[in-house]
Amino acid sequence: MTPDASPGSAADVLLRLHELADPAEFDKIVKRVSREQVIGVRMKRLFDLANEQASMDLDEVRLLLRSPWYEARVVAVSILDARARRSPATTDDRSAIYELFLAEHRHIDTWDLVDRAAPRVVGDYLLHRSRAPLFDLARSGDPWERRTAITAAFWIIRSGDLDDPLALADLLLDDDEHFVQTSVGTALREIRRIDAARLDEFVSRNAGRIRPATRRLMADRAASS
């Protein structure tokens, strides 16, 4: 199927995923997503399949997001990301993509599912809108929603708007979840690339609150960038 072909259903995608199963890939995936039901499909194949199915009806994407299979959920968030890349944030489709992502967030429950779509699906959508939803996510009891809050902010940082990303980082600095802190560290590193003086002021003011994992990622590649 090419990107211009008619999209299939969630059931069609699941059938294709099982056809693409690779025992060697299964062994690799279960080492990092051990709690998931895994089929065993290479990431490139998942991304290619998502691009082929980018026009899939969003009700079918919702079914993929609700699937117990890890790869089905990777395809689902990748479809949402592909759709976000193709449509301006002002369109009804982009609004529907954003709303679907948040409504089904309980199924977006690994770091890579968050990272695959949050910057464009959530961050880009909110770039010229109220950022209140990000702060709501940052205060959530679900660590994956908190990771989405700061990961979505990557797109806002990229635009040069640092006020809300820094406020979100400040809100999450005391978070005990490792996968939240790693995303905070990445956000701070990206802020440094935009405005090093502003980041240095933030770090100086919050030096005692920055966790080692956050600090390591914040400094990662800084010397070579």
N, C-alpha and C. Protein backbone atom coordinates (compact mmCIF):
# COMPACT_ATOMS: atom_id res chain seq x y z
N MET A 1 0.85 -1.21 0.00
CA MET A 1 0.00 0.00 0.00
C MET A 1 0.87 1.25 0.00
N THR A 2 0.55 2.22 -0.81
CA THR A 2 1.28 3.48 -0.86
C THR A 2 0.58 4.49 0.01
N PRO A 3 1.26 5.65 0.35
CA PRO A 3 0.63 6.68 1.16
C PRO A 3 -0.67 7.20 0.58
N ASP A 4 -0.88 7.07 -0.74
CA ASP A 4 -2.09 7.59 -1.37
C ASP A 4 -3.21 6.53 -1.48
N ALA A 5 -2.92 5.29 -1.05
CA ALA A 5 -3.91 4.24 -1.16
C ALA A 5 -5.01 4.42 -0.11
N SER A 6 -6.14 3.75 -0.35
CA SER A 6 -7.24 3.84 0.60
C SER A 6 -6.83 3.19 1.91
N PRO A 7 -7.08 3.86 3.04
CA PRO A 7 -6.68 3.31 4.33
C PRO A 7 -7.55 2.12 4.70
N GLY A 8 -7.00 1.24 5.53
CA GLY A 8 -7.75 0.10 5.99
C GLY A 8 -8.37 0.34 7.35
N SER A 9 -8.69 -0.73 8.02
CA SER A 9 -9.29 -0.68 9.34
C SER A 9 -8.26 -1.07 10.38
N ALA A 10 -8.62 -0.92 11.65
CA ALA A 10 -7.75 -1.38 12.72
C ALA A 10 -7.49 -2.87 12.60
N ALA A 11 -8.53 -3.63 12.23
CA ALA A 11 -8.37 -5.08 12.06
C ALA A 11 -7.37 -5.40 10.96
N ASP A 12 -7.42 -4.63 9.85
CA ASP A 12 -6.46 -4.82 8.76
C ASP A 12 -5.03 -4.59 9.24
N VAL A 13 -4.84 -3.54 10.03
CA VAL A 13 -3.51 -3.21 10.54
C VAL A 13 -3.01 -4.31 11.47
N LEU A 14 -3.87 -4.81 12.34
CA LEU A 14 -3.46 -5.88 13.25
C LEU A 14 -3.05 -7.13 12.48
N LEU A 15 -3.79 -7.46 11.43
CA LEU A 15 -3.44 -8.61 10.60
C LEU A 15 -2.07 -8.39 9.97
N ARG A 16 -1.84 -7.20 9.45
CA ARG A 16 -0.55 -6.89 8.83
C ARG A 16 0.58 -6.96 9.85
N LEU A 17 0.35 -6.49 11.06
CA LEU A 17 1.38 -6.54 12.09
C LEU A 17 1.78 -7.97 12.40
N HIS A 18 0.81 -8.86 12.48
CA HIS A 18 1.14 -10.26 12.76
C HIS A 18 1.88 -10.89 11.58
N GLU A 19 1.59 -10.43 10.37
CA GLU A 19 2.32 -10.92 9.20
C GLU A 19 3.77 -10.46 9.23
N LEU A 20 4.02 -9.30 9.83
CA LEU A 20 5.37 -8.72 9.88
C LEU A 20 6.17 -9.20 11.09
N ALA A 21 5.61 -10.06 11.91
CA ALA A 21 6.27 -10.49 13.14
C ALA A 21 7.63 -11.13 12.86
N ASP A 22 8.59 -10.76 13.70
CA ASP A 22 9.97 -11.24 13.58
C ASP A 22 10.43 -11.68 14.97
N PRO A 23 10.70 -12.98 15.17
CA PRO A 23 11.09 -13.46 16.50
C PRO A 23 12.30 -12.73 17.08
N ALA A 24 13.27 -12.39 16.24
CA ALA A 24 14.45 -11.67 16.73
C ALA A 24 14.07 -10.29 17.24
N GLU A 25 13.15 -9.64 16.53
CA GLU A 25 12.70 -8.31 16.96
C GLU A 25 11.88 -8.42 18.24
N PHE A 26 11.11 -9.48 18.38
CA PHE A 26 10.34 -9.71 19.60
C PHE A 26 11.27 -9.71 20.81
N ASP A 27 12.38 -10.44 20.71
CA ASP A 27 13.31 -10.53 21.84
C ASP A 27 13.88 -9.16 22.20
N LYS A 28 14.13 -8.31 21.21
CA LYS A 28 14.65 -6.97 21.47
C LYS A 28 13.61 -6.10 22.19
N ILE A 29 12.38 -6.17 21.72
CA ILE A 29 11.35 -5.28 22.25
C ILE A 29 10.99 -5.64 23.68
N VAL A 30 10.87 -6.93 23.98
CA VAL A 30 10.42 -7.30 25.32
C VAL A 30 11.45 -6.94 26.39
N LYS A 31 12.68 -6.68 25.99
CA LYS A 31 13.69 -6.25 26.96
C LYS A 31 13.42 -4.84 27.46
N ARG A 32 12.72 -4.03 26.67
CA ARG A 32 12.47 -2.66 27.10
C ARG A 32 11.00 -2.36 27.36
N VAL A 33 10.10 -3.21 26.88
CA VAL A 33 8.68 -3.05 27.20
C VAL A 33 8.16 -4.39 27.69
N SER A 34 8.70 -4.85 28.78
CA SER A 34 8.46 -6.21 29.24
C SER A 34 7.03 -6.44 29.70
N ARG A 35 6.32 -5.39 30.06
CA ARG A 35 4.96 -5.55 30.57
C ARG A 35 3.92 -5.60 29.46
N GLU A 36 4.35 -5.36 28.23
CA GLU A 36 3.41 -5.22 27.13
C GLU A 36 3.18 -6.55 26.41
N GLN A 37 2.06 -6.63 25.73
CA GLN A 37 1.87 -7.70 24.75
C GLN A 37 2.57 -7.27 23.48
N VAL A 38 3.55 -8.03 23.08
CA VAL A 38 4.43 -7.65 21.97
C VAL A 38 4.28 -8.65 20.83
N ILE A 39 4.21 -8.12 19.61
CA ILE A 39 4.16 -8.96 18.41
C ILE A 39 5.57 -9.22 17.91
N GLY A 40 6.40 -8.16 17.86
CA GLY A 40 7.76 -8.27 17.39
C GLY A 40 7.92 -7.76 15.98
N VAL A 41 7.78 -6.42 15.80
CA VAL A 41 7.87 -5.81 14.47
C VAL A 41 8.88 -4.66 14.54
N ARG A 42 9.75 -4.58 13.56
CA ARG A 42 10.75 -3.51 13.52
C ARG A 42 10.09 -2.14 13.48
N MET A 43 10.72 -1.17 14.15
CA MET A 43 10.16 0.19 14.21
C MET A 43 9.99 0.79 12.82
N LYS A 44 10.94 0.60 11.95
CA LYS A 44 10.81 1.19 10.61
C LYS A 44 9.56 0.66 9.92
N ARG A 45 9.26 -0.61 10.08
CA ARG A 45 8.06 -1.17 9.47
C ARG A 45 6.80 -0.57 10.08
N LEU A 46 6.84 -0.31 11.39
CA LEU A 46 5.70 0.32 12.05
C LEU A 46 5.49 1.73 11.53
N PHE A 47 6.57 2.48 11.38
CA PHE A 47 6.45 3.85 10.90
C PHE A 47 5.98 3.88 9.44
N ASP A 48 6.50 2.95 8.63
CA ASP A 48 6.05 2.88 7.23
C ASP A 48 4.57 2.55 7.16
N LEU A 49 4.12 1.62 7.98
CA LEU A 49 2.72 1.24 8.00
C LEU A 49 1.84 2.42 8.43
N ALA A 50 2.31 3.17 9.42
CA ALA A 50 1.56 4.34 9.88
C ALA A 50 1.43 5.37 8.76
N ASN A 51 2.51 5.60 8.02
CA ASN A 51 2.45 6.56 6.92
C ASN A 51 1.48 6.09 5.84
N GLU A 52 1.44 4.78 5.58
CA GLU A 52 0.50 4.25 4.60
C GLU A 52 -0.95 4.44 5.05
N GLN A 53 -1.14 4.40 6.37
CA GLN A 53 -2.50 4.44 6.94
C GLN A 53 -2.84 5.82 7.52
N ALA A 54 -2.12 6.85 7.13
CA ALA A 54 -2.28 8.16 7.76
C ALA A 54 -3.68 8.74 7.59
N SER A 55 -4.40 8.32 6.56
CA SER A 55 -5.76 8.83 6.34
C SER A 55 -6.84 7.97 6.99
N MET A 56 -6.42 7.02 7.80
CA MET A 56 -7.38 6.13 8.46
C MET A 56 -8.40 6.92 9.27
N ASP A 57 -9.64 6.47 9.27
CA ASP A 57 -10.68 7.09 10.08
C ASP A 57 -10.24 7.10 11.54
N LEU A 58 -10.46 8.21 12.21
CA LEU A 58 -9.97 8.35 13.57
C LEU A 58 -10.65 7.38 14.55
N ASP A 59 -11.84 6.92 14.23
CA ASP A 59 -12.45 5.89 15.08
C ASP A 59 -11.67 4.58 15.01
N GLU A 60 -11.09 4.30 13.85
CA GLU A 60 -10.24 3.11 13.72
C GLU A 60 -8.91 3.32 14.43
N VAL A 61 -8.38 4.54 14.37
CA VAL A 61 -7.15 4.84 15.11
C VAL A 61 -7.40 4.67 16.61
N ARG A 62 -8.56 5.08 17.06
CA ARG A 62 -8.92 4.91 18.47
C ARG A 62 -8.88 3.42 18.87
N LEU A 63 -9.38 2.56 17.98
CA LEU A 63 -9.34 1.13 18.26
C LEU A 63 -7.90 0.62 18.37
N LEU A 64 -7.02 1.14 17.51
CA LEU A 64 -5.61 0.75 17.60
C LEU A 64 -5.00 1.22 18.92
N LEU A 65 -5.35 2.43 19.33
CA LEU A 65 -4.83 2.94 20.61
C LEU A 65 -5.29 2.09 21.78
N ARG A 66 -6.47 1.52 21.68
CA ARG A 66 -7.02 0.70 22.76
C ARG A 66 -6.57 -0.75 22.69
N SER A 67 -5.80 -1.08 21.66
CA SER A 67 -5.35 -2.47 21.51
C SER A 67 -4.38 -2.85 22.62
N PRO A 68 -4.42 -4.10 23.08
CA PRO A 68 -3.42 -4.56 24.05
C PRO A 68 -2.03 -4.73 23.43
N TRP A 69 -1.96 -4.76 22.10
CA TRP A 69 -0.68 -4.98 21.43
C TRP A 69 0.13 -3.69 21.37
N TYR A 70 1.35 -3.76 21.83
CA TYR A 70 2.25 -2.60 21.84
C TYR A 70 2.41 -2.00 20.44
N GLU A 71 2.68 -2.83 19.46
CA GLU A 71 2.92 -2.33 18.10
C GLU A 71 1.70 -1.63 17.53
N ALA A 72 0.51 -2.09 17.86
CA ALA A 72 -0.70 -1.42 17.38
C ALA A 72 -0.77 0.00 17.93
N ARG A 73 -0.38 0.18 19.17
CA ARG A 73 -0.41 1.52 19.76
C ARG A 73 0.69 2.41 19.18
N VAL A 74 1.85 1.80 18.85
CA VAL A 74 2.90 2.58 18.16
C VAL A 74 2.37 3.07 16.82
N VAL A 75 1.71 2.20 16.07
CA VAL A 75 1.15 2.62 14.78
C VAL A 75 0.13 3.73 14.99
N ALA A 76 -0.71 3.61 16.01
CA ALA A 76 -1.75 4.61 16.25
C ALA A 76 -1.15 5.99 16.52
N VAL A 77 -0.19 6.08 17.44
CA VAL A 77 0.38 7.40 17.74
C VAL A 77 1.19 7.92 16.56
N SER A 78 1.75 7.00 15.77
CA SER A 78 2.50 7.43 14.58
C SER A 78 1.57 7.95 13.50
N ILE A 79 0.37 7.39 13.39
CA ILE A 79 -0.63 7.93 12.47
C ILE A 79 -1.01 9.34 12.89
N LEU A 80 -1.23 9.53 14.19
CA LEU A 80 -1.58 10.87 14.68
C LEU A 80 -0.46 11.86 14.39
N ASP A 81 0.78 11.44 14.59
CA ASP A 81 1.92 12.31 14.29
C ASP A 81 1.98 12.63 12.80
N ALA A 82 1.78 11.61 11.96
CA ALA A 82 1.81 11.84 10.51
C ALA A 82 0.71 12.80 10.08
N ARG A 83 -0.47 12.65 10.66
CA ARG A 83 -1.58 13.56 10.33
C ARG A 83 -1.26 14.98 10.77
N ALA A 84 -0.65 15.12 11.94
CA ALA A 84 -0.30 16.45 12.45
C ALA A 84 0.72 17.13 11.54
N ARG A 85 1.63 16.36 10.97
CA ARG A 85 2.63 16.92 10.08
C ARG A 85 2.01 17.40 8.77
N ARG A 86 0.90 16.82 8.38
CA ARG A 86 0.30 17.13 7.08
C ARG A 86 -0.71 18.26 7.13
N SER A 87 -1.24 18.55 8.31
CA SER A 87 -2.34 19.52 8.40
C SER A 87 -1.98 20.70 9.29
N PRO A 88 -2.35 21.92 8.90
CA PRO A 88 -2.14 23.07 9.78
C PRO A 88 -2.89 22.90 11.10
N ALA A 89 -2.35 23.47 12.16
CA ALA A 89 -2.93 23.31 13.50
C ALA A 89 -4.30 23.98 13.62
N THR A 90 -4.69 24.77 12.64
CA THR A 90 -5.97 25.47 12.70
C THR A 90 -7.13 24.64 12.15
N THR A 91 -6.85 23.47 11.57
CA THR A 91 -7.91 22.70 10.92
C THR A 91 -8.71 21.86 11.93
N ASP A 92 -9.92 21.51 11.51
CA ASP A 92 -10.76 20.64 12.34
C ASP A 92 -10.09 19.29 12.57
N ASP A 93 -9.39 18.79 11.56
CA ASP A 93 -8.73 17.49 11.69
C ASP A 93 -7.68 17.54 12.80
N ARG A 94 -6.92 18.62 12.86
CA ARG A 94 -5.90 18.74 13.90
C ARG A 94 -6.53 18.81 15.28
N SER A 95 -7.65 19.49 15.39
CA SER A 95 -8.36 19.53 16.66
C SER A 95 -8.81 18.13 17.06
N ALA A 96 -9.32 17.37 16.10
CA ALA A 96 -9.79 16.02 16.38
C ALA A 96 -8.64 15.10 16.78
N ILE A 97 -7.48 15.27 16.14
CA ILE A 97 -6.29 14.48 16.47
C ILE A 97 -5.85 14.77 17.90
N TYR A 98 -5.76 16.03 18.22
CA TYR A 98 -5.37 16.46 19.57
C TYR A 98 -6.34 15.90 20.62
N GLU A 99 -7.63 16.04 20.37
CA GLU A 99 -8.63 15.58 21.33
C GLU A 99 -8.59 14.06 21.50
N LEU A 100 -8.35 13.34 20.41
CA LEU A 100 -8.25 11.89 20.50
C LEU A 100 -7.04 11.48 21.34
N PHE A 101 -5.92 12.11 21.11
CA PHE A 101 -4.70 11.80 21.86
C PHE A 101 -4.94 11.95 23.36
N LEU A 102 -5.55 13.06 23.77
CA LEU A 102 -5.77 13.29 25.19
C LEU A 102 -6.88 12.39 25.75
N ALA A 103 -7.93 12.17 24.97
CA ALA A 103 -9.04 11.35 25.46
C ALA A 103 -8.62 9.90 25.70
N GLU A 104 -7.65 9.42 24.92
CA GLU A 104 -7.21 8.03 25.03
C GLU A 104 -5.84 7.92 25.69
N HIS A 105 -5.46 8.94 26.44
CA HIS A 105 -4.10 8.97 26.98
C HIS A 105 -3.80 7.80 27.91
N ARG A 106 -4.81 7.22 28.52
CA ARG A 106 -4.56 6.10 29.43
C ARG A 106 -3.94 4.92 28.69
N HIS A 107 -4.08 4.88 27.37
CA HIS A 107 -3.47 3.81 26.58
C HIS A 107 -2.09 4.20 26.06
N ILE A 108 -1.69 5.43 26.28
CA ILE A 108 -0.37 5.91 25.86
C ILE A 108 0.51 5.81 27.11
N ASP A 109 1.05 4.62 27.32
CA ASP A 109 1.58 4.27 28.63
C ASP A 109 3.02 3.77 28.63
N THR A 110 3.79 4.21 27.63
CA THR A 110 5.24 4.01 27.65
C THR A 110 5.89 5.30 27.17
N TRP A 111 7.16 5.48 27.50
CA TRP A 111 7.82 6.75 27.16
C TRP A 111 7.86 6.99 25.66
N ASP A 112 8.04 5.91 24.88
CA ASP A 112 8.17 6.11 23.44
C ASP A 112 6.83 6.42 22.78
N LEU A 113 5.73 5.93 23.34
CA LEU A 113 4.42 6.30 22.80
C LEU A 113 4.16 7.79 23.03
N VAL A 114 4.55 8.29 24.19
CA VAL A 114 4.43 9.73 24.46
C VAL A 114 5.29 10.52 23.48
N ASP A 115 6.56 10.14 23.38
CA ASP A 115 7.51 10.94 22.62
C ASP A 115 7.22 10.94 21.12
N ARG A 116 6.60 9.86 20.65
CA ARG A 116 6.35 9.75 19.21
C ARG A 116 5.40 10.84 18.70
N ALA A 117 4.44 11.27 19.53
CA ALA A 117 3.41 12.18 19.03
C ALA A 117 3.23 13.46 19.82
N ALA A 118 3.63 13.51 21.07
CA ALA A 118 3.30 14.68 21.90
C ALA A 118 3.80 16.01 21.33
N PRO A 119 5.03 16.12 20.80
CA PRO A 119 5.48 17.44 20.34
C PRO A 119 4.59 18.06 19.27
N ARG A 120 4.23 17.30 18.23
CA ARG A 120 3.43 17.87 17.14
C ARG A 120 1.93 17.79 17.43
N VAL A 121 1.47 16.66 17.93
CA VAL A 121 0.02 16.49 18.14
C VAL A 121 -0.49 17.42 19.23
N VAL A 122 0.30 17.60 20.30
CA VAL A 122 -0.12 18.44 21.42
C VAL A 122 0.60 19.79 21.39
N GLY A 123 1.92 19.78 21.35
CA GLY A 123 2.68 21.02 21.44
C GLY A 123 2.43 21.99 20.31
N ASP A 124 2.47 21.49 19.08
CA ASP A 124 2.22 22.35 17.92
C ASP A 124 0.78 22.87 17.93
N TYR A 125 -0.15 22.00 18.30
CA TYR A 125 -1.56 22.42 18.34
C TYR A 125 -1.77 23.57 19.32
N LEU A 126 -1.06 23.53 20.45
CA LEU A 126 -1.24 24.56 21.49
C LEU A 126 -0.30 25.75 21.32
N LEU A 127 0.49 25.75 20.26
CA LEU A 127 1.50 26.80 20.09
C LEU A 127 0.88 28.19 20.13
N HIS A 128 -0.26 28.37 19.50
CA HIS A 128 -0.93 29.68 19.47
C HIS A 128 -2.27 29.64 20.20
N ARG A 129 -2.36 28.75 21.17
CA ARG A 129 -3.55 28.63 22.01
C ARG A 129 -3.14 28.68 23.48
N SER A 130 -4.12 28.65 24.35
CA SER A 130 -3.83 28.60 25.78
C SER A 130 -3.02 27.34 26.11
N ARG A 131 -2.03 27.49 26.96
CA ARG A 131 -1.21 26.36 27.39
C ARG A 131 -1.77 25.71 28.66
N ALA A 132 -2.93 26.14 29.09
CA ALA A 132 -3.52 25.59 30.32
C ALA A 132 -3.61 24.06 30.28
N PRO A 133 -3.94 23.43 29.13
CA PRO A 133 -3.97 21.96 29.12
C PRO A 133 -2.64 21.32 29.50
N LEU A 134 -1.53 21.97 29.15
CA LEU A 134 -0.22 21.41 29.52
C LEU A 134 -0.03 21.43 31.03
N PHE A 135 -0.47 22.50 31.66
CA PHE A 135 -0.33 22.59 33.11
C PHE A 135 -1.27 21.60 33.81
N ASP A 136 -2.43 21.35 33.21
CA ASP A 136 -3.31 20.32 33.75
C ASP A 136 -2.65 18.95 33.66
N LEU A 137 -2.01 18.67 32.53
CA LEU A 137 -1.30 17.40 32.37
C LEU A 137 -0.13 17.30 33.36
N ALA A 138 0.56 18.41 33.56
CA ALA A 138 1.71 18.40 34.46
C ALA A 138 1.32 18.14 35.91
N ARG A 139 0.07 18.41 36.24
CA ARG A 139 -0.41 18.17 37.61
C ARG A 139 -1.14 16.83 37.74
N SER A 140 -1.16 16.06 36.68
CA SER A 140 -1.87 14.79 36.67
C SER A 140 -1.21 13.77 37.60
N GLY A 141 -2.00 12.83 38.08
CA GLY A 141 -1.46 11.72 38.85
C GLY A 141 -0.82 10.66 37.98
N ASP A 142 -1.01 10.74 36.66
CA ASP A 142 -0.46 9.77 35.71
C ASP A 142 0.89 10.27 35.23
N PRO A 143 1.97 9.52 35.48
CA PRO A 143 3.30 10.00 35.06
C PRO A 143 3.44 10.18 33.56
N TRP A 144 2.69 9.39 32.78
CA TRP A 144 2.79 9.53 31.33
C TRP A 144 2.12 10.81 30.85
N GLU A 145 1.09 11.25 31.52
CA GLU A 145 0.50 12.56 31.20
C GLU A 145 1.47 13.68 31.59
N ARG A 146 2.16 13.50 32.71
CA ARG A 146 3.15 14.52 33.09
C ARG A 146 4.30 14.55 32.08
N ARG A 147 4.72 13.39 31.60
CA ARG A 147 5.76 13.39 30.57
C ARG A 147 5.25 14.06 29.30
N THR A 148 3.99 13.82 28.94
CA THR A 148 3.43 14.49 27.77
C THR A 148 3.49 16.01 27.92
N ALA A 149 3.20 16.51 29.11
CA ALA A 149 3.20 17.97 29.32
C ALA A 149 4.53 18.58 28.93
N ILE A 150 5.63 18.01 29.41
CA ILE A 150 6.93 18.63 29.15
C ILE A 150 7.47 18.24 27.77
N THR A 151 7.10 17.04 27.28
CA THR A 151 7.54 16.65 25.94
C THR A 151 6.83 17.46 24.87
N ALA A 152 5.56 17.75 25.06
CA ALA A 152 4.83 18.62 24.13
C ALA A 152 5.46 20.00 24.07
N ALA A 153 6.03 20.43 25.19
CA ALA A 153 6.65 21.75 25.25
C ALA A 153 7.89 21.85 24.37
N PHE A 154 8.45 20.72 23.93
CA PHE A 154 9.62 20.79 23.03
C PHE A 154 9.29 21.64 21.80
N TRP A 155 8.06 21.48 21.28
CA TRP A 155 7.68 22.23 20.08
C TRP A 155 7.57 23.72 20.37
N ILE A 156 7.13 24.04 21.56
CA ILE A 156 7.01 25.44 21.96
C ILE A 156 8.39 26.04 22.15
N ILE A 157 9.30 25.28 22.74
CA ILE A 157 10.69 25.74 22.89
C ILE A 157 11.29 26.02 21.52
N ARG A 158 11.04 25.13 20.59
CA ARG A 158 11.58 25.28 19.24
C ARG A 158 11.15 26.60 18.61
N SER A 159 9.97 27.10 18.98
CA SER A 159 9.48 28.36 18.43
C SER A 159 10.16 29.57 19.07
N GLY A 160 10.92 29.34 20.15
CA GLY A 160 11.58 30.43 20.87
C GLY A 160 10.79 30.97 22.03
N ASP A 161 9.63 30.41 22.30
CA ASP A 161 8.78 30.83 23.42
C ASP A 161 9.16 29.99 24.63
N LEU A 162 9.81 30.59 25.62
CA LEU A 162 10.37 29.83 26.73
C LEU A 162 9.60 29.97 28.04
N ASP A 163 8.68 30.91 28.14
CA ASP A 163 8.03 31.18 29.42
C ASP A 163 7.28 29.95 29.95
N ASP A 164 6.38 29.40 29.16
CA ASP A 164 5.61 28.25 29.64
C ASP A 164 6.46 27.00 29.79
N PRO A 165 7.38 26.70 28.87
CA PRO A 165 8.24 25.54 29.10
C PRO A 165 9.04 25.64 30.39
N LEU A 166 9.56 26.80 30.71
CA LEU A 166 10.29 26.95 31.97
C LEU A 166 9.36 26.80 33.17
N ALA A 167 8.14 27.32 33.06
CA ALA A 167 7.17 27.16 34.15
C ALA A 167 6.80 25.69 34.33
N LEU A 168 6.67 24.96 33.23
CA LEU A 168 6.38 23.53 33.32
C LEU A 168 7.56 22.77 33.94
N ALA A 169 8.77 23.12 33.52
CA ALA A 169 9.95 22.48 34.11
C ALA A 169 10.01 22.74 35.60
N ASP A 170 9.73 23.97 36.01
CA ASP A 170 9.73 24.31 37.43
C ASP A 170 8.69 23.47 38.18
N LEU A 171 7.53 23.28 37.58
CA LEU A 171 6.47 22.50 38.21
C LEU A 171 6.86 21.03 38.37
N LEU A 172 7.68 20.53 37.45
CA LEU A 172 8.01 19.11 37.43
C LEU A 172 9.38 18.77 38.02
N LEU A 173 10.13 19.75 38.44
CA LEU A 173 11.48 19.48 38.95
C LEU A 173 11.48 18.53 40.14
N ASP A 174 10.44 18.55 40.94
CA ASP A 174 10.39 17.71 42.14
C ASP A 174 9.70 16.37 41.89
N ASP A 175 9.37 16.08 40.65
CA ASP A 175 8.67 14.84 40.31
C ASP A 175 9.59 13.64 40.57
N ASP A 176 9.04 12.61 41.19
CA ASP A 176 9.82 11.43 41.52
C ASP A 176 9.94 10.41 40.39
N GLU A 177 9.18 10.62 39.32
CA GLU A 177 9.18 9.66 38.21
C GLU A 177 10.38 9.89 37.29
N HIS A 178 11.18 8.85 37.11
CA HIS A 178 12.39 8.94 36.29
C HIS A 178 12.08 9.42 34.88
N PHE A 179 11.01 8.88 34.27
CA PHE A 179 10.72 9.21 32.88
C PHE A 179 10.15 10.62 32.72
N VAL A 180 9.71 11.22 33.79
CA VAL A 180 9.37 12.65 33.76
C VAL A 180 10.65 13.47 33.82
N GLN A 181 11.55 13.08 34.72
CA GLN A 181 12.78 13.84 34.89
C GLN A 181 13.66 13.81 33.65
N THR A 182 13.69 12.68 32.94
CA THR A 182 14.52 12.64 31.73
C THR A 182 13.98 13.60 30.67
N SER A 183 12.67 13.73 30.60
CA SER A 183 12.08 14.66 29.64
C SER A 183 12.31 16.10 30.07
N VAL A 184 12.25 16.36 31.37
CA VAL A 184 12.57 17.70 31.87
C VAL A 184 14.01 18.06 31.50
N GLY A 185 14.93 17.11 31.69
CA GLY A 185 16.32 17.37 31.34
C GLY A 185 16.50 17.69 29.87
N THR A 186 15.80 16.96 29.01
CA THR A 186 15.87 17.23 27.58
C THR A 186 15.31 18.61 27.25
N ALA A 187 14.21 18.97 27.89
CA ALA A 187 13.62 20.30 27.66
C ALA A 187 14.59 21.40 28.07
N LEU A 188 15.24 21.23 29.20
CA LEU A 188 16.19 22.26 29.66
C LEU A 188 17.39 22.35 28.72
N ARG A 189 17.83 21.22 28.19
CA ARG A 189 18.93 21.25 27.22
C ARG A 189 18.53 22.04 25.98
N GLU A 190 17.29 21.82 25.51
CA GLU A 190 16.83 22.54 24.33
C GLU A 190 16.65 24.03 24.62
N ILE A 191 16.23 24.36 25.83
CA ILE A 191 16.13 25.77 26.22
C ILE A 191 17.51 26.41 26.20
N ARG A 192 18.52 25.70 26.65
CA ARG A 192 19.89 26.23 26.63
C ARG A 192 20.30 26.62 25.21
N ARG A 193 19.89 25.84 24.24
CA ARG A 193 20.26 26.11 22.86
C ARG A 193 19.60 27.37 22.32
N ILE A 194 18.44 27.72 22.90
CA ILE A 194 17.74 28.93 22.48
C ILE A 194 18.24 30.15 23.24
N ASP A 195 18.42 30.01 24.55
CA ASP A 195 18.80 31.15 25.39
C ASP A 195 19.58 30.63 26.59
N ALA A 196 20.90 30.51 26.42
CA ALA A 196 21.74 29.93 27.47
C ALA A 196 21.70 30.75 28.76
N ALA A 197 21.63 32.06 28.64
CA ALA A 197 21.62 32.91 29.84
C ALA A 197 20.34 32.66 30.65
N ARG A 198 19.25 32.52 29.95
CA ARG A 198 17.98 32.28 30.65
C ARG A 198 18.00 30.92 31.35
N LEU A 199 18.56 29.93 30.69
CA LEU A 199 18.65 28.61 31.31
C LEU A 199 19.59 28.64 32.51
N ASP A 200 20.72 29.35 32.39
CA ASP A 200 21.66 29.44 33.51
C ASP A 200 21.01 30.09 34.73
N GLU A 201 20.18 31.08 34.49
CA GLU A 201 19.48 31.74 35.60
C GLU A 201 18.51 30.76 36.26
N PHE A 202 17.82 29.97 35.45
CA PHE A 202 16.87 28.98 35.98
C PHE A 202 17.61 27.94 36.80
N VAL A 203 18.74 27.45 36.28
CA VAL A 203 19.52 26.44 36.99
C VAL A 203 20.07 26.99 38.29
N SER A 204 20.57 28.22 38.27
CA SER A 204 21.11 28.83 39.49
C SER A 204 20.03 28.95 40.55
N ARG A 205 18.84 29.32 40.14
CA ARG A 205 17.73 29.52 41.09
C ARG A 205 17.21 28.19 41.64
N ASN A 206 17.39 27.12 40.87
CA ASN A 206 16.81 25.83 41.26
C ASN A 206 17.86 24.73 41.44
N ALA A 207 19.10 25.13 41.67
CA ALA A 207 20.21 24.16 41.69
C ALA A 207 19.95 23.00 42.63
N GLY A 208 19.39 23.27 43.80
CA GLY A 208 19.17 22.22 44.78
C GLY A 208 18.04 21.27 44.45
N ARG A 209 17.25 21.60 43.44
CA ARG A 209 16.07 20.79 43.10
C ARG A 209 16.31 19.90 41.89
N ILE A 210 17.39 20.12 41.17
CA ILE A 210 17.60 19.40 39.92
C ILE A 210 18.20 18.03 40.21
N ARG A 211 17.50 16.99 39.81
CA ARG A 211 17.92 15.61 40.06
C ARG A 211 19.12 15.25 39.18
N PRO A 212 19.95 14.29 39.62
CA PRO A 212 21.10 13.90 38.81
C PRO A 212 20.74 13.47 37.39
N ALA A 213 19.66 12.68 37.24
CA ALA A 213 19.28 12.23 35.89
C ALA A 213 18.88 13.40 35.01
N THR A 214 18.21 14.37 35.62
CA THR A 214 17.80 15.57 34.88
C THR A 214 19.03 16.36 34.46
N ARG A 215 19.95 16.52 35.38
CA ARG A 215 21.15 17.29 35.10
C ARG A 215 21.99 16.64 34.01
N ARG A 216 22.07 15.31 34.03
CA ARG A 216 22.85 14.61 33.01
C ARG A 216 22.27 14.85 31.62
N LEU A 217 20.96 14.73 31.49
CA LEU A 217 20.34 14.95 30.18
C LEU A 217 20.38 16.41 29.77
N MET A 218 20.28 17.28 30.74
CA MET A 218 20.33 18.72 30.47
C MET A 218 21.69 19.08 29.86
N ALA A 219 22.74 18.40 30.34
CA ALA A 219 24.09 18.70 29.86
C ALA A 219 24.50 17.84 28.67
N ASP A 220 23.72 16.81 28.35
CA ASP A 220 24.06 15.87 27.29
C ASP A 220 24.28 16.60 25.97
N ARG A 221 25.45 16.34 25.39
CA ARG A 221 25.85 16.91 24.11
C ARG A 221 26.04 18.43 24.14
N ALA A 222 25.91 19.04 25.34
CA ALA A 222 26.05 20.49 25.42
C ALA A 222 27.45 20.93 24.98
N ALA A 223 28.46 20.13 25.33
CA ALA A 223 29.82 20.51 25.00
C ALA A 223 30.08 20.46 23.51
N SER A 224 29.34 19.58 22.80
CA SER A 224 29.57 19.44 21.37
C SER A 224 28.60 20.25 20.52
N SER A 225 27.61 20.87 21.18
CA SER A 225 26.58 21.58 20.40
C SER A 225 26.97 23.04 20.23
